[in-house]
N, C-alpha and C. Protein backbone atom coordinates (compact mmCIF):
# COMPACT_ATOMS: atom_id res chain seq x y z
N UNK A 1 -20.02 -12.55 5.40
CA UNK A 1 -18.39 -12.32 5.98
C UNK A 1 -17.89 -11.62 4.64
N UNK A 2 -17.03 -10.60 4.59
CA UNK A 2 -16.53 -10.10 3.69
C UNK A 2 -14.78 -11.17 3.67
N UNK A 3 -14.55 -11.53 2.32
CA UNK A 3 -13.05 -12.44 2.11
C UNK A 3 -12.04 -11.49 2.94
N UNK A 4 -11.01 -12.34 3.84
CA UNK A 4 -10.08 -11.55 4.52
C UNK A 4 -8.58 -11.08 3.17
N UNK A 5 -9.36 -11.88 2.40
CA UNK A 5 -8.09 -11.38 1.05
C UNK A 5 -8.52 -9.99 0.63
N UNK A 6 -10.15 -9.97 0.45
CA UNK A 6 -10.76 -8.43 -0.03
C UNK A 6 -10.44 -7.01 1.11
N UNK A 7 -10.47 -7.52 2.33
CA UNK A 7 -10.02 -6.51 3.05
C UNK A 7 -8.45 -5.98 3.05
N UNK A 8 -7.54 -7.29 2.48
CA UNK A 8 -6.38 -6.68 2.78
C UNK A 8 -5.89 -5.88 1.50
N UNK A 9 -6.22 -5.83 0.67
CA UNK A 9 -6.30 -4.92 -0.41
C UNK A 9 -6.63 -3.15 -0.35
N UNK A 10 -7.42 -3.82 0.81
CA UNK A 10 -8.17 -2.83 0.14
C UNK A 10 -7.69 -1.02 0.61
N UNK A 11 -6.12 -1.44 1.35
CA UNK A 11 -5.55 -0.25 1.60
C UNK A 11 -4.15 -0.53 0.57
N UNK A 12 -4.40 -1.62 0.36
CA UNK A 12 -3.10 -1.61 -0.31
C UNK A 12 -2.07 -0.23 -1.20
N UNK A 13 -2.81 0.15 -1.54
CA UNK A 13 -2.91 1.34 -2.40
C UNK A 13 -1.99 2.76 -1.50
N UNK A 14 -2.32 2.22 -0.31
CA UNK A 14 -1.64 3.39 1.01
C UNK A 14 -0.46 2.89 1.16
N UNK A 15 -0.52 1.54 1.41
CA UNK A 15 1.05 1.20 1.64
C UNK A 15 2.10 1.00 0.70
N UNK A 16 1.31 1.20 -0.61
CA UNK A 16 2.57 1.10 -1.73
C UNK A 16 3.02 2.56 -1.80
N UNK A 17 2.03 3.12 -1.51
CA UNK A 17 2.19 4.73 -1.30
C UNK A 17 3.63 5.41 -0.67
N UNK A 18 2.96 4.77 0.82
CA UNK A 18 4.08 5.33 2.13
C UNK A 18 5.60 4.70 1.74
N UNK A 19 5.22 3.48 1.39
CA UNK A 19 7.02 2.88 0.66
C UNK A 19 7.84 3.97 -0.74
N UNK A 20 6.57 4.58 -1.09
CA UNK A 20 7.03 4.74 -2.37
C UNK A 20 7.66 6.56 -1.52
N UNK A 21 6.96 7.10 -0.82
CA UNK A 21 7.62 8.15 -0.18
C UNK A 21 8.39 8.36 0.73
N UNK A 22 9.12 6.99 1.19
CA UNK A 22 10.53 6.81 1.33
C UNK A 22 11.73 6.86 0.46
N UNK A 23 11.28 6.22 -0.77
CA UNK A 23 12.16 6.70 -1.88
C UNK A 23 11.09 6.15 -3.43
N UNK A 24 11.75 6.51 -4.45
CA UNK A 24 11.62 5.33 -5.87
C UNK A 24 12.30 4.13 -5.84
N UNK A 25 11.02 3.17 -6.07
CA UNK A 25 11.87 1.80 -6.96
C UNK A 25 10.68 0.86 -6.88
N UNK A 26 11.72 -0.04 -7.34
CA UNK A 26 10.93 -1.12 -8.50
C UNK A 26 9.87 -1.64 -7.39
N UNK A 27 8.65 -2.93 -8.37
CA UNK A 27 7.53 -3.52 -8.30
C UNK A 27 8.06 -4.64 -6.88
N UNK A 28 9.02 -5.40 -7.31
CA UNK A 28 10.22 -5.84 -6.75
C UNK A 28 10.02 -5.98 -5.44
N UNK A 29 10.97 -4.31 -5.39
CA UNK A 29 11.15 -4.26 -3.72
C UNK A 29 9.77 -3.66 -3.36
N UNK A 30 9.15 -3.55 -3.97
CA UNK A 30 7.97 -2.77 -2.96
C UNK A 30 7.09 -4.08 -2.20
N UNK A 31 7.13 -5.23 -3.16
CA UNK A 31 6.16 -6.29 -2.70
C UNK A 31 7.05 -6.89 -1.23
N UNK A 32 8.68 -6.87 -1.88
CA UNK A 32 9.00 -7.66 -0.77
C UNK A 32 9.22 -6.55 0.52
N UNK A 33 8.97 -5.27 0.37
CA UNK A 33 8.90 -4.44 1.61
C UNK A 33 7.54 -5.08 2.48
N UNK A 34 6.68 -5.28 1.44
CA UNK A 34 5.24 -5.31 2.40
C UNK A 34 5.39 -6.32 2.77
N UNK A 35 5.59 -7.66 2.04
CA UNK A 35 6.13 -9.07 2.98
C UNK A 35 6.29 -8.66 4.32
N UNK A 36 7.72 -8.26 4.84
CA UNK A 36 8.70 -7.83 5.63
C UNK A 36 8.47 -7.25 6.69
N UNK A 37 7.31 -5.85 6.46
CA UNK A 37 6.80 -4.82 7.14
C UNK A 37 5.55 -5.36 7.68
N UNK A 38 4.52 -5.84 6.81
CA UNK A 38 3.67 -5.86 7.65
C UNK A 38 3.02 -7.58 8.25
N UNK A 39 1.78 -7.64 9.29
CA UNK A 39 2.27 -8.96 9.85
C UNK A 39 0.59 -9.75 8.85
N UNK A 40 1.17 -10.27 8.47
CA UNK A 40 0.04 -11.39 7.38
C UNK A 40 -0.07 -11.15 6.23
N UNK A 41 0.40 -10.25 5.86
CA UNK A 41 0.43 -9.92 4.73
C UNK A 41 0.79 -10.75 3.55
N UNK A 42 -0.14 -11.06 2.68
CA UNK A 42 0.00 -12.02 1.62
C UNK A 42 -0.83 -11.63 0.68
N UNK A 43 -0.50 -10.70 -0.22
CA UNK A 43 -0.88 -10.22 -1.43
C UNK A 43 0.25 -11.05 -2.65
N UNK A 44 -0.75 -10.99 -3.62
CA UNK A 44 0.75 -11.98 -4.80
C UNK A 44 1.19 -10.51 -5.52
N UNK A 45 1.99 -10.60 -6.53
CA UNK A 45 2.83 -9.69 -7.05
C UNK A 45 2.00 -8.94 -8.08
N UNK A 46 0.75 -9.89 -8.46
CA UNK A 46 0.21 -9.43 -9.38
C UNK A 46 -1.03 -8.60 -9.18
N UNK A 47 -1.18 -8.78 -7.64
CA UNK A 47 -1.79 -8.07 -6.86
C UNK A 47 -1.44 -6.22 -6.50
N UNK A 48 -0.20 -6.22 -6.24
CA UNK A 48 0.73 -4.94 -6.63
C UNK A 48 1.21 -4.05 -7.63
N UNK A 49 1.19 -5.02 -8.81
CA UNK A 49 1.61 -4.20 -10.41
C UNK A 49 0.32 -3.78 -10.29
N UNK A 50 -0.99 -4.60 -10.50
CA UNK A 50 -2.18 -4.01 -10.89
C UNK A 50 -2.32 -2.75 -10.17
N UNK A 51 -2.41 -2.76 -8.71
CA UNK A 51 -2.45 -1.43 -7.83
C UNK A 51 -1.30 -0.29 -8.54
N UNK A 52 0.13 -0.68 -8.69
CA UNK A 52 0.84 0.50 -9.18
C UNK A 52 0.11 0.64 -10.25
N UNK A 53 -0.35 -0.16 -11.30
CA UNK A 53 -1.07 0.41 -12.29
C UNK A 53 -1.76 1.59 -12.36
N UNK A 54 -2.85 1.19 -11.39
CA UNK A 54 -3.67 1.80 -11.05
C UNK A 54 -3.22 3.38 -10.94
N UNK A 55 -1.92 3.42 -9.77
CA UNK A 55 -1.96 4.18 -9.34
C UNK A 55 -1.38 5.47 -10.11
N UNK A 56 -0.50 4.53 -10.97
CA UNK A 56 -0.28 5.40 -12.26
C UNK A 56 -1.31 5.47 -13.22
N UNK A 57 -2.40 5.65 -13.57
CA UNK A 57 -3.31 5.56 -14.29
C UNK A 57 -4.27 7.47 -13.79
N UNK A 58 -4.34 6.57 -12.17
CA UNK A 58 -4.55 8.22 -11.46
C UNK A 58 -3.34 9.30 -11.16
N UNK A 59 -2.48 8.63 -11.69
CA UNK A 59 -1.48 10.20 -11.69
C UNK A 59 -0.78 9.91 -10.00
N UNK A 60 -1.10 9.32 -9.59
CA UNK A 60 0.02 9.06 -8.06
C UNK A 60 0.92 8.37 -8.26
N UNK A 61 1.21 7.72 -9.51
CA UNK A 61 2.69 7.68 -9.31
C UNK A 61 3.01 7.80 -10.51
N UNK A 62 4.66 7.77 -11.21
CA UNK A 62 5.10 7.77 -11.86
C UNK A 62 6.31 6.80 -12.28
N UNK A 63 6.32 6.43 -13.68
CA UNK A 63 7.02 5.47 -13.49
C UNK A 63 8.13 5.56 -14.57
N UNK A 64 9.58 5.16 -14.29
CA UNK A 64 9.92 5.24 -15.76
C UNK A 64 11.30 3.76 -16.01
N UNK A 65 11.51 2.98 -16.87
CA UNK A 65 12.28 2.06 -17.34
C UNK A 65 13.83 2.79 -16.78
N UNK A 66 14.55 1.58 -15.91
CA UNK A 66 15.98 1.81 -15.46
C UNK A 66 16.67 0.50 -16.79
N UNK A 67 17.38 1.05 -17.12
CA UNK A 67 18.66 0.10 -18.19
C UNK A 67 19.49 0.49 -17.93
N UNK A 68 19.94 1.00 -16.78
CA UNK A 68 21.11 1.15 -16.27
C UNK A 68 22.01 0.14 -15.71
N UNK A 69 21.05 -0.99 -15.50
CA UNK A 69 22.14 -1.82 -15.11
C UNK A 69 22.35 -3.28 -15.95
N UNK A 70 23.08 -4.13 -16.13
CA UNK A 70 22.51 -5.53 -16.23
C UNK A 70 21.53 -6.37 -16.15
N UNK A 71 20.94 -7.36 -17.37
CA UNK A 71 19.85 -7.85 -16.95
C UNK A 71 18.60 -6.70 -17.09
N UNK A 72 17.35 -7.79 -17.11
CA UNK A 72 16.08 -7.23 -17.42
C UNK A 72 15.88 -5.70 -16.93
N UNK A 73 15.26 -4.84 -17.63
CA UNK A 73 15.48 -3.12 -17.05
C UNK A 73 13.93 -3.49 -16.52
N UNK A 74 13.96 -2.39 -15.80
CA UNK A 74 13.19 -2.79 -14.46
C UNK A 74 12.54 -1.32 -14.38
N UNK A 75 11.13 -1.36 -13.58
CA UNK A 75 10.31 0.06 -13.93
C UNK A 75 10.55 0.53 -12.44
N UNK A 76 10.53 1.61 -12.61
CA UNK A 76 10.69 2.27 -11.44
C UNK A 76 9.44 3.35 -11.07
N UNK A 77 9.28 3.06 -9.78
CA UNK A 77 7.85 3.91 -9.37
C UNK A 77 8.01 5.22 -8.67
N UNK A 78 7.70 6.27 -8.73
CA UNK A 78 7.91 7.45 -8.17
C UNK A 78 6.97 8.33 -7.30
N UNK A 79 6.71 8.35 -6.00
CA UNK A 79 5.55 9.31 -5.84
C UNK A 79 5.15 10.49 -6.24
N UNK A 80 3.99 11.29 -6.60
CA UNK A 80 3.72 12.50 -6.78
C UNK A 80 3.00 13.49 -6.48
N UNK A 81 3.02 14.51 -6.55
CA UNK A 81 1.93 15.23 -5.89
C UNK A 81 0.98 14.82 -5.37
N UNK A 82 0.19 14.05 -6.37
CA UNK A 82 -1.17 13.56 -6.37
C UNK A 82 -1.00 12.28 -5.50
N UNK A 83 -0.04 12.29 -5.50
CA UNK A 83 0.28 10.44 -4.40
C UNK A 83 0.49 11.29 -3.20
N UNK A 84 0.72 12.07 -3.22
CA UNK A 84 1.14 12.64 -1.70
C UNK A 84 -0.34 13.15 -1.22
N UNK A 85 -0.90 13.23 -1.63
CA UNK A 85 -2.92 14.60 -1.46
C UNK A 85 -3.38 12.45 -1.42
N UNK A 86 -3.17 11.56 -1.50
CA UNK A 86 -4.19 10.47 -1.86
C UNK A 86 -3.85 10.19 -0.08
N UNK A 87 -2.12 10.33 0.01
CA UNK A 87 -1.14 9.69 1.30
C UNK A 87 -2.09 10.23 2.34
N UNK A 88 -2.39 11.72 1.79
CA UNK A 88 -2.88 12.07 3.30
C UNK A 88 -4.47 11.96 3.39
N UNK A 89 -5.25 11.27 1.99
CA UNK A 89 -6.31 11.40 2.63
C UNK A 89 -6.73 9.80 3.01
N UNK A 90 -5.10 9.42 2.61
CA UNK A 90 -4.91 7.58 3.07
C UNK A 90 -5.11 7.59 4.95
N UNK A 91 -4.15 8.72 5.63
CA UNK A 91 -3.73 8.97 6.79
C UNK A 91 -5.14 9.08 7.67
N UNK A 92 -5.58 9.65 6.84
CA UNK A 92 -7.09 10.63 7.82
C UNK A 92 -8.28 9.25 7.90
N UNK A 93 -8.70 8.24 6.70
CA UNK A 93 -9.41 7.73 6.73
C UNK A 93 -8.73 6.49 7.33
N UNK A 94 -7.69 6.18 7.97
CA UNK A 94 -7.31 5.06 8.94
C UNK A 94 -7.28 5.95 10.19
N UNK A 95 -7.12 6.71 10.42
CA UNK A 95 -6.74 7.31 11.52
C UNK A 95 -8.73 6.95 12.19
N UNK A 96 -9.63 7.36 11.37
CA UNK A 96 -10.90 7.23 11.96
C UNK A 96 -11.76 5.95 11.88
N UNK A 97 -10.95 4.52 11.22
CA UNK A 97 -10.82 3.76 11.39
C UNK A 97 -10.34 3.08 12.68
N UNK A 98 -9.41 3.29 13.15
CA UNK A 98 -8.22 2.67 14.08
C UNK A 98 -9.02 3.16 15.11
N UNK A 99 -9.96 4.55 15.40
CA UNK A 99 -10.89 5.04 16.66
C UNK A 99 -12.08 4.11 16.41
N UNK A 100 -12.31 3.92 15.75
CA UNK A 100 -13.73 2.76 15.70
C UNK A 100 -13.47 1.29 15.93
N UNK A 101 -12.56 0.91 15.07
CA UNK A 101 -11.86 -0.40 15.86
C UNK A 101 -11.24 -0.13 17.67
N UNK A 102 -10.60 0.73 17.38
CA UNK A 102 -10.58 0.55 19.54
C UNK A 102 -11.59 0.73 20.07
N UNK A 103 -13.12 1.45 19.55
CA UNK A 103 -14.07 1.36 20.58
C UNK A 103 -14.85 0.11 20.57
N UNK A 104 -14.81 -0.93 19.55
CA UNK A 104 -14.96 -1.89 19.31
C UNK A 104 -14.15 -2.83 20.11
N UNK A 105 -12.88 -2.33 20.41
CA UNK A 105 -12.25 -3.33 21.26
C UNK A 105 -12.66 -3.58 22.47
N UNK A 106 -12.53 -2.05 22.68
CA UNK A 106 -12.36 -1.51 24.46
C UNK A 106 -13.83 -2.16 24.91
N UNK A 107 -15.15 -1.94 23.87
CA UNK A 107 -16.64 -2.68 24.31
C UNK A 107 -15.95 -4.22 24.70
N UNK A 108 -15.64 -5.19 23.67
CA UNK A 108 -16.02 -6.10 23.97
C UNK A 108 -14.74 -6.45 25.26
N UNK A 109 -13.89 -5.78 25.70
CA UNK A 109 -12.67 -5.82 26.97
C UNK A 109 -13.95 -5.63 28.06
N UNK A 110 -14.98 -4.64 28.10
CA UNK A 110 -15.39 -4.59 29.12
C UNK A 110 -16.78 -5.93 29.10
N UNK A 111 -16.72 -6.40 28.11
CA UNK A 111 -17.53 -6.88 28.36
C UNK A 111 -17.45 -8.35 28.55
N UNK A 112 -16.34 -9.04 29.17
CA UNK A 112 -15.30 -9.89 29.75
C UNK A 112 -14.99 -10.50 28.05
N UNK A 113 -15.18 -10.17 27.10
CA UNK A 113 -14.68 -10.85 26.11
C UNK A 113 -13.35 -10.65 25.40
């Protein structure tokens, strides 16, 4: 049986890109938004930052340091055109998975389970 944690990380890039599509922001905001919006979300900050670095390497996000406010500088992430393309791919992938998962649930329901 696959680990639940591994399954949760599978679409982490999709959810991060979705949040960044709303507007640029820093990693701490993204992590908190994921925790608030997703039921049973249990990814740690290291996982979010690793994924942000991966997305930056792929060109799906760009980052700049915000030093305009007092305190430590914050790395601000912004989605790119490549990121929007990846978001479209994730949309198609998730729609397909939802269809298959709904079929599974319907079949179980028909069996009285």
